[in-house]
PDB file of N, CA and C in Angstrom:
ATOM      1  N   MET A   1     114.378 103.218 105.547  1.00  0.00           N
ATOM      2  CA  MET A   1     113.025 102.753 105.450  1.00  0.00           C
ATOM      3  C   MET A   1     112.212 103.453 106.529  1.00  0.00           C
ATOM      4  N   GLU A   2     110.978 103.690 106.220  1.00  0.00           N
ATOM      5  CA  GLU A   2     110.106 104.372 107.165  1.00  0.00           C
ATOM      6  C   GLU A   2     108.780 103.649 107.295  1.00  0.00           C
ATOM      7  N   ARG A   3     108.178 103.819 108.456  1.00  0.00           N
ATOM      8  CA  ARG A   3     106.787 103.409 108.668  1.00  0.00           C
ATOM      9  C   ARG A   3     106.031 104.669 109.061  1.00  0.00           C
ATOM     10  N   ILE A   4     104.900 104.872 108.409  1.00  0.00           N
ATOM     11  CA  ILE A   4     104.102 106.073 108.650  1.00  0.00           C
ATOM     12  C   ILE A   4     102.715 105.652 109.116  1.00  0.00           C
ATOM     13  N   LYS A   5     102.217 106.315 110.165  1.00  0.00           N
ATOM     14  CA  LYS A   5     100.891 106.032 110.698  1.00  0.00           C
ATOM     15  C   LYS A   5     100.179 107.363 110.904  1.00  0.00           C
ATOM     16  N   LYS A   6      99.025 107.500 110.284  1.00  0.00           N
ATOM     17  CA  LYS A   6      98.233 108.736 110.370  1.00  0.00           C
ATOM     18  C   LYS A   6      99.056 109.961 109.990  1.00  0.00           C
ATOM     19  N   GLY A   7      99.855 109.802 108.941  1.00  0.00           N
ATOM     20  CA  GLY A   7     100.626 110.930 108.419  1.00  0.00           C
ATOM     21  C   GLY A   7     101.885 111.276 109.195  1.00  0.00           C
ATOM     22  N   LYS A   8     102.238 110.470 110.213  1.00  0.00           N
ATOM     23  CA  LYS A   8     103.424 110.757 111.012  1.00  0.00           C
ATOM     24  C   LYS A   8     104.395 109.581 110.949  1.00  0.00           C
ATOM     25  N   VAL A   9     105.679 109.888 110.911  1.00  0.00           N
ATOM     26  CA  VAL A   9     106.700 108.849 110.916  1.00  0.00           C
ATOM     27  C   VAL A   9     106.763 108.250 112.315  1.00  0.00           C
ATOM     28  N   ILE A  10     106.568 106.937 112.403  1.00  0.00           N
ATOM     29  CA  ILE A  10     106.646 106.270 113.699  1.00  0.00           C
ATOM     30  C   ILE A  10     107.903 105.400 113.805  1.00  0.00           C
ATOM     31  N   TYR A  11     108.558 105.140 112.660  1.00  0.00           N
ATOM     32  CA  TYR A  11     109.765 104.306 112.642  1.00  0.00           C
ATOM     33  C   TYR A  11     110.624 104.722 111.466  1.00  0.00           C
ATOM     34  N   ASN A  12     111.924 104.769 111.696  1.00  0.00           N
ATOM     35  CA  ASN A  12     112.863 105.105 110.629  1.00  0.00           C
ATOM     36  C   ASN A  12     114.092 104.225 110.807  1.00  0.00           C
ATOM     37  N   LEU A  13     114.575 103.633 109.726  1.00  0.00           N
ATOM     38  CA  LEU A  13     115.780 102.808 109.750  1.00  0.00           C
ATOM     39  C   LEU A  13     116.729 103.325 108.693  1.00  0.00           C
ATOM     40  N   ARG A  14     117.970 103.572 109.106  1.00  0.00           N
ATOM     41  CA  ARG A  14     119.024 104.008 108.172  1.00  0.00           C
ATOM     42  C   ARG A  14     120.226 103.104 108.366  1.00  0.00           C
ATOM     43  N   SER A  15     120.969 102.889 107.295  1.00  0.00           N
ATOM     44  CA  SER A  15     122.192 102.100 107.419  1.00  0.00           C
ATOM     45  C   SER A  15     123.232 102.619 106.436  1.00  0.00           C
ATOM     46  N   GLU A  16     124.481 102.296 106.747  1.00  0.00           N
ATOM     47  CA  GLU A  16     125.577 102.708 105.873  1.00  0.00           C
ATOM     48  C   GLU A  16     125.591 101.874 104.599  1.00  0.00           C
ATOM     49  N   SER A  17     125.284 100.583 104.749  1.00  0.00           N
ATOM     50  CA  SER A  17     125.251  99.713 103.571  1.00  0.00           C
ATOM     51  C   SER A  17     124.345  98.523 103.840  1.00  0.00           C
ATOM     52  N   ILE A  18     124.041  97.803 102.764  1.00  0.00           N
ATOM     53  CA  ILE A  18     123.208  96.608 102.869  1.00  0.00           C
ATOM     54  C   ILE A  18     123.779  95.575 101.907  1.00  0.00           C
ATOM     55  N   LYS A  19     123.778  94.306 102.349  1.00  0.00           N
ATOM     56  CA  LYS A  19     124.331  93.247 101.497  1.00  0.00           C
ATOM     57  C   LYS A  19     123.443  92.018 101.555  1.00  0.00           C
ATOM     58  N   TRP A  20     123.524  91.233 100.509  1.00  0.00           N
ATOM     59  CA  TRP A  20     122.767  89.986 100.399  1.00  0.00           C
ATOM     60  C   TRP A  20     123.633  88.882 100.990  1.00  0.00           C
ATOM     61  N   ASP A  21     123.161  88.237 102.043  1.00  0.00           N
ATOM     62  CA  ASP A  21     123.927  87.230 102.760  1.00  0.00           C
ATOM     63  C   ASP A  21     123.429  85.843 102.390  1.00  0.00           C
ATOM     64  N   THR A  22     124.302  85.018 101.857  1.00  0.00           N
ATOM     65  CA  THR A  22     123.928  83.652 101.480  1.00  0.00           C
ATOM     66  C   THR A  22     124.676  82.623 102.321  1.00  0.00           C
ATOM     67  N   THR A  23     125.353  83.046 103.385  1.00  0.00           N
ATOM     68  CA  THR A  23     126.159  82.120 104.178  1.00  0.00           C
ATOM     69  C   THR A  23     125.345  81.271 105.139  1.00  0.00           C
ATOM     70  N   LYS A  24     124.166  81.695 105.497  1.00  0.00           N
ATOM     71  CA  LYS A  24     123.306  80.932 106.409  1.00  0.00           C
ATOM     72  C   LYS A  24     122.368  80.049 105.596  1.00  0.00           C
ATOM     73  N   ARG A  25     121.550  79.264 106.300  1.00  0.00           N
ATOM     74  CA  ARG A  25     120.580  78.401 105.607  1.00  0.00           C
ATOM     75  C   ARG A  25     119.611  79.199 104.764  1.00  0.00           C
ATOM     76  N   LYS A  26     119.154  80.324 105.304  1.00  0.00           N
ATOM     77  CA  LYS A  26     118.235  81.154 104.535  1.00  0.00           C
ATOM     78  C   LYS A  26     118.969  82.380 104.008  1.00  0.00           C
ATOM     79  N   LYS A  27     118.610  82.782 102.835  1.00  0.00           N
ATOM     80  CA  LYS A  27     119.212  83.970 102.246  1.00  0.00           C
ATOM     81  C   LYS A  27     118.524  85.190 102.830  1.00  0.00           C
ATOM     82  N   ARG A  28     119.296  86.245 103.085  1.00  0.00           N
ATOM     83  CA  ARG A  28     118.742  87.410 103.757  1.00  0.00           C
ATOM     84  C   ARG A  28     119.553  88.661 103.469  1.00  0.00           C
ATOM     85  N   TRP A  29     118.921  89.801 103.704  1.00  0.00           N
ATOM     86  CA  TRP A  29     119.588  91.085 103.604  1.00  0.00           C
ATOM     87  C   TRP A  29     120.149  91.447 104.980  1.00  0.00           C
ATOM     88  N   ILE A  30     121.387  91.918 105.014  1.00  0.00           N
ATOM     89  CA  ILE A  30     122.026  92.361 106.253  1.00  0.00           C
ATOM     90  C   ILE A  30     122.422  93.824 106.085  1.00  0.00           C
ATOM     91  N   ALA A  31     121.910  94.669 106.958  1.00  0.00           N
ATOM     92  CA  ALA A  31     122.278  96.083 106.970  1.00  0.00           C
ATOM     93  C   ALA A  31     123.412  96.271 107.980  1.00  0.00           C
ATOM     94  N   THR A  32     124.365  97.138 107.655  1.00  0.00           N
ATOM     95  CA  THR A  32     125.480  97.400 108.556  1.00  0.00           C
ATOM     96  C   THR A  32     125.456  98.843 109.028  1.00  0.00           C
ATOM     97  N   LYS A  33     125.959  99.039 110.238  1.00  0.00           N
ATOM     98  CA  LYS A  33     125.988 100.351 110.893  1.00  0.00           C
ATOM     99  C   LYS A  33     124.603 101.000 110.833  1.00  0.00           C
ATOM    100  N   VAL A  34     123.688 100.389 111.560  1.00  0.00           N
ATOM    101  CA  VAL A  34     122.261 100.719 111.496  1.00  0.00           C
ATOM    102  C   VAL A  34     121.861 101.679 112.624  1.00  0.00           C
ATOM    103  N   VAL A  35     121.002 102.625 112.280  1.00  0.00           N
ATOM    104  CA  VAL A  35     120.374 103.505 113.252  1.00  0.00           C
ATOM    105  C   VAL A  35     118.869 103.320 113.107  1.00  0.00           C
ATOM    106  N   GLU A  36     118.212 102.906 114.206  1.00  0.00           N
ATOM    107  CA  GLU A  36     116.760 102.753 114.232  1.00  0.00           C
ATOM    108  C   GLU A  36     116.178 103.853 115.111  1.00  0.00           C
ATOM    109  N   ARG A  37     115.130 104.479 114.644  1.00  0.00           N
ATOM    110  CA  ARG A  37     114.468 105.541 115.395  1.00  0.00           C
ATOM    111  C   ARG A  37     112.993 105.173 115.552  1.00  0.00           C
ATOM    112  N   PHE A  38     112.529 105.136 116.794  1.00  0.00           N
ATOM    113  CA  PHE A  38     111.135 104.828 117.121  1.00  0.00           C
ATOM    114  C   PHE A  38     110.497 106.077 117.701  1.00  0.00           C
ATOM    115  N   VAL A  39     109.312 106.427 117.224  1.00  0.00           N
ATOM    116  CA  VAL A  39     108.580 107.576 117.760  1.00  0.00           C
ATOM    117  C   VAL A  39     107.196 107.094 118.167  1.00  0.00           C
ATOM    118  N   ASP A  40     106.860 107.290 119.450  1.00  0.00           N
ATOM    119  CA  ASP A  40     105.537 106.892 119.937  1.00  0.00           C
ATOM    120  C   ASP A  40     105.106 107.837 121.049  1.00  0.00           C
ATOM    121  N   SER A  41     104.079 107.457 121.781  1.00  0.00           N
ATOM    122  CA  SER A  41     103.543 108.331 122.824  1.00  0.00           C
ATOM    123  C   SER A  41     104.548 108.568 123.957  1.00  0.00           C
ATOM    124  N   LEU A  42     105.530 107.700 124.097  1.00  0.00           N
ATOM    125  CA  LEU A  42     106.560 107.852 125.123  1.00  0.00           C
ATOM    126  C   LEU A  42     107.684 108.788 124.687  1.00  0.00           C
ATOM    127  N   GLY A  43     107.695 109.141 123.437  1.00  0.00           N
ATOM    128  CA  GLY A  43     108.737 110.017 122.900  1.00  0.00           C
ATOM    129  C   GLY A  43     109.527 109.324 121.812  1.00  0.00           C
ATOM    130  N   GLU A  44     110.799 109.646 121.741  1.00  0.00           N
ATOM    131  CA  GLU A  44     111.670 109.128 120.687  1.00  0.00           C
ATOM    132  C   GLU A  44     112.754 108.251 121.305  1.00  0.00           C
ATOM    133  N   ARG A  45     112.961 107.083 120.702  1.00  0.00           N
ATOM    134  CA  ARG A  45     114.030 106.177 121.133  1.00  0.00           C
ATOM    135  C   ARG A  45     114.905 105.874 119.939  1.00  0.00           C
ATOM    136  N   ILE A  46     116.197 105.798 120.177  1.00  0.00           N
ATOM    137  CA  ILE A  46     117.147 105.509 119.100  1.00  0.00           C
ATOM    138  C   ILE A  46     117.984 104.307 119.509  1.00  0.00           C
ATOM    139  N   ARG A  47     118.157 103.384 118.581  1.00  0.00           N
ATOM    140  CA  ARG A  47     119.000 102.197 118.796  1.00  0.00           C
ATOM    141  C   ARG A  47     120.049 102.132 117.689  1.00  0.00           C
ATOM    142  N   PHE A  48     121.225 101.679 118.070  1.00  0.00           N
ATOM    143  CA  PHE A  48     122.328 101.509 117.131  1.00  0.00           C
ATOM    144  C   PHE A  48     122.695 100.030 117.067  1.00  0.00           C
ATOM    145  N   HIS A  49     122.963  99.535 115.862  1.00  0.00           N
ATOM    146  CA  HIS A  49     123.359  98.145 115.651  1.00  0.00           C
ATOM    147  C   HIS A  49     124.529  98.119 114.668  1.00  0.00           C
ATOM    148  N   GLU A  50     125.490  97.244 114.919  1.00  0.00           N
ATOM    149  CA  GLU A  50     126.564  97.046 113.934  1.00  0.00           C
ATOM    150  C   GLU A  50     126.000  96.333 112.705  1.00  0.00           C
ATOM    151  N   GLU A  51     125.156  95.310 112.947  1.00  0.00           N
ATOM    152  CA  GLU A  51     124.487  94.587 111.861  1.00  0.00           C
ATOM    153  C   GLU A  51     123.061  94.271 112.280  1.00  0.00           C
ATOM    154  N   LYS A  52     122.174  94.241 111.301  1.00  0.00           N
ATOM    155  CA  LYS A  52     120.774  93.907 111.564  1.00  0.00           C
ATOM    156  C   LYS A  52     120.182  93.250 110.325  1.00  0.00           C
ATOM    157  N   GLU A  53     119.467  92.154 110.537  1.00  0.00           N
ATOM    158  CA  GLU A  53     118.763  91.509 109.425  1.00  0.00           C
ATOM    159  C   GLU A  53     117.571  92.376 109.055  1.00  0.00           C
ATOM    160  N   VAL A  54     117.420  92.610 107.755  1.00  0.00           N
ATOM    161  CA  VAL A  54     116.343  93.464 107.254  1.00  0.00           C
ATOM    162  C   VAL A  54     115.507  92.650 106.279  1.00  0.00           C
ATOM    163  N   LYS A  55     114.198  92.684 106.464  1.00  0.00           N
ATOM    164  CA  LYS A  55     113.305  91.957 105.558  1.00  0.00           C
ATOM    165  C   LYS A  55     112.906  92.881 104.421  1.00  0.00           C
ATOM    166  N   LEU A  56     113.371  92.553 103.229  1.00  0.00           N
ATOM    167  CA  LEU A  56     113.016  93.293 102.017  1.00  0.00           C
ATOM    168  C   LEU A  56     112.419  92.313 101.023  1.00  0.00           C
ATOM    169  N   ASN A  57     111.372  92.709 100.376  1.00  0.00           N
ATOM    170  CA  ASN A  57     110.688  91.841  99.422  1.00  0.00           C
ATOM    171  C   ASN A  57     111.271  92.043  98.023  1.00  0.00           C
ATOM    172  N   ILE A  58     112.589  91.863  97.929  1.00  0.00           N
ATOM    173  CA  ILE A  58     113.276  92.006  96.645  1.00  0.00           C
ATOM    174  C   ILE A  58     114.521  91.123  96.665  1.00  0.00           C
ATOM    175  N   LEU A  59     114.833  90.535  95.541  1.00  0.00           N
ATOM    176  CA  LEU A  59     116.035  89.710  95.389  1.00  0.00           C
ATOM    177  C   LEU A  59     117.106  90.505  94.649  1.00  0.00           C
ATOM    178  N   PRO A  60     118.369  90.191  94.854  1.00  0.00           N
ATOM    179  CA  PRO A  60     119.432  90.900  94.134  1.00  0.00           C
ATOM    180  C   PRO A  60     119.277  90.819  92.612  1.00  0.00           C
ATOM    181  N   SER A  61     118.734  89.720  92.121  1.00  0.00           N
ATOM    182  CA  SER A  61     118.562  89.561  90.670  1.00  0.00           C
ATOM    183  C   SER A  61     117.540  90.548  90.103  1.00  0.00           C
ATOM    184  N   GLU A  62     116.704  91.129  90.973  1.00  0.00           N
ATOM    185  CA  GLU A  62     115.702  92.094  90.527  1.00  0.00           C
ATOM    186  C   GLU A  62     116.269  93.513  90.430  1.00  0.00           C
ATOM    187  N   LEU A  63     117.461  93.712  90.953  1.00  0.00           N
ATOM    188  CA  LEU A  63     118.102  95.025  90.889  1.00  0.00           C
ATOM    189  C   LEU A  63     118.903  95.135  89.602  1.00  0.00           C
ATOM    190  N   ILE A  64     118.854  96.292  88.982  1.00  0.00           N
ATOM    191  CA  ILE A  64     119.622  96.496  87.755  1.00  0.00           C
ATOM    192  C   ILE A  64     120.485  97.744  87.905  1.00  0.00           C
ATOM    193  N   ARG A  65     121.633  97.717  87.287  1.00  0.00           N
ATOM    194  CA  ARG A  65     122.549  98.847  87.319  1.00  0.00           C
ATOM    195  C   ARG A  65     122.152  99.820  86.205  1.00  0.00           C
ATOM    196  N   ASP A  66     122.147 101.085  86.537  1.00  0.00           N
ATOM    197  CA  ASP A  66     121.846 102.131  85.553  1.00  0.00           C
ATOM    198  C   ASP A  66     123.153 102.482  84.830  1.00  0.00           C
ATOM    199  N   GLU A  67     123.327 101.938  83.655  1.00  0.00           N
ATOM    200  CA  GLU A  67     124.572 102.138  82.894  1.00  0.00           C
ATOM    201  C   GLU A  67     124.764 103.587  82.462  1.00  0.00           C
ATOM    202  N   TYR A  68     123.695 104.371  82.440  1.00  0.00           N
ATOM    203  CA  TYR A  68     123.779 105.755  81.967  1.00  0.00           C
ATOM    204  C   TYR A  68     123.710 106.768  83.097  1.00  0.00           C
ATOM    205  N   GLN A  69     123.879 106.321  84.329  1.00  0.00           N
ATOM    206  CA  GLN A  69     123.765 107.216  85.476  1.00  0.00           C
ATOM    207  C   GLN A  69     124.750 108.379  85.383  1.00  0.00           C
ATOM    208  N   LYS A  70     125.977 108.101  84.989  1.00  0.00           N
ATOM    209  CA  LYS A  70     126.977 109.175  84.901  1.00  0.00           C
ATOM    210  C   LYS A  70     126.586 110.228  83.867  1.00  0.00           C
ATOM    211  N   ASP A  71     125.878 109.826  82.823  1.00  0.00           N
ATOM    212  CA  ASP A  71     125.457 110.773  81.793  1.00  0.00           C
ATOM    213  C   ASP A  71     124.312 111.671  82.273  1.00  0.00           C
ATOM    214  N   LYS A  72     123.583 111.232  83.290  1.00  0.00           N
ATOM    215  CA  LYS A  72     122.445 111.993  83.797  1.00  0.00           C
ATOM    216  C   LYS A  72     122.856 113.044  84.830  1.00  0.00           C
ATOM    217  N   LEU A  73     124.070 112.908  85.372  1.00  0.00           N
ATOM    218  CA  LEU A  73     124.540 113.843  86.388  1.00  0.00           C
ATOM    219  C   LEU A  73     124.881 115.195  85.766  1.00  0.00           C
ATOM    220  N   THR A  74     124.628 116.253  86.514  1.00  0.00           N
ATOM    221  CA  THR A  74     124.985 117.580  86.030  1.00  0.00           C
ATOM    222  C   THR A  74     126.401 117.911  86.481  1.00  0.00           C
ATOM    223  N   THR A  75     127.057 118.786  85.741  1.00  0.00           N
ATOM    224  CA  THR A  75     128.396 119.213  86.105  1.00  0.00           C
ATOM    225  C   THR A  75     128.323 120.598  86.757  1.00  0.00           C
ATOM    226  N   PRO A  76     129.226 120.865  87.687  1.00  0.00           N
ATOM    227  CA  PRO A  76     129.209 122.183  88.334  1.00  0.00           C
ATOM    228  C   PRO A  76     129.467 123.294  87.329  1.00  0.00           C
ATOM    229  N   SER A  77     128.841 124.450  87.569  1.00  0.00           N
ATOM    230  CA  SER A  77     129.011 125.595  86.667  1.00  0.00           C
ATOM    231  C   SER A  77     130.287 126.330  86.931  1.00  0.00           C
TER     232      SER A  77
END
């Protein structure tokens, strides 16, 4: 995920995986093996997290599997 301000990336978040967590009182997305990158007037800062709660405005029920994804892939020549 990225945040852009005046055409420049000021924040970037990457993770190895993300899962829907229903074990707590509130349901939430949990990203694992997270790298956060902040860019501002002080320069660039990087933070690493094993897990981080991520706010996404989407529920798992809104995601659909592409049953034809394998048919869309090209094969090596």
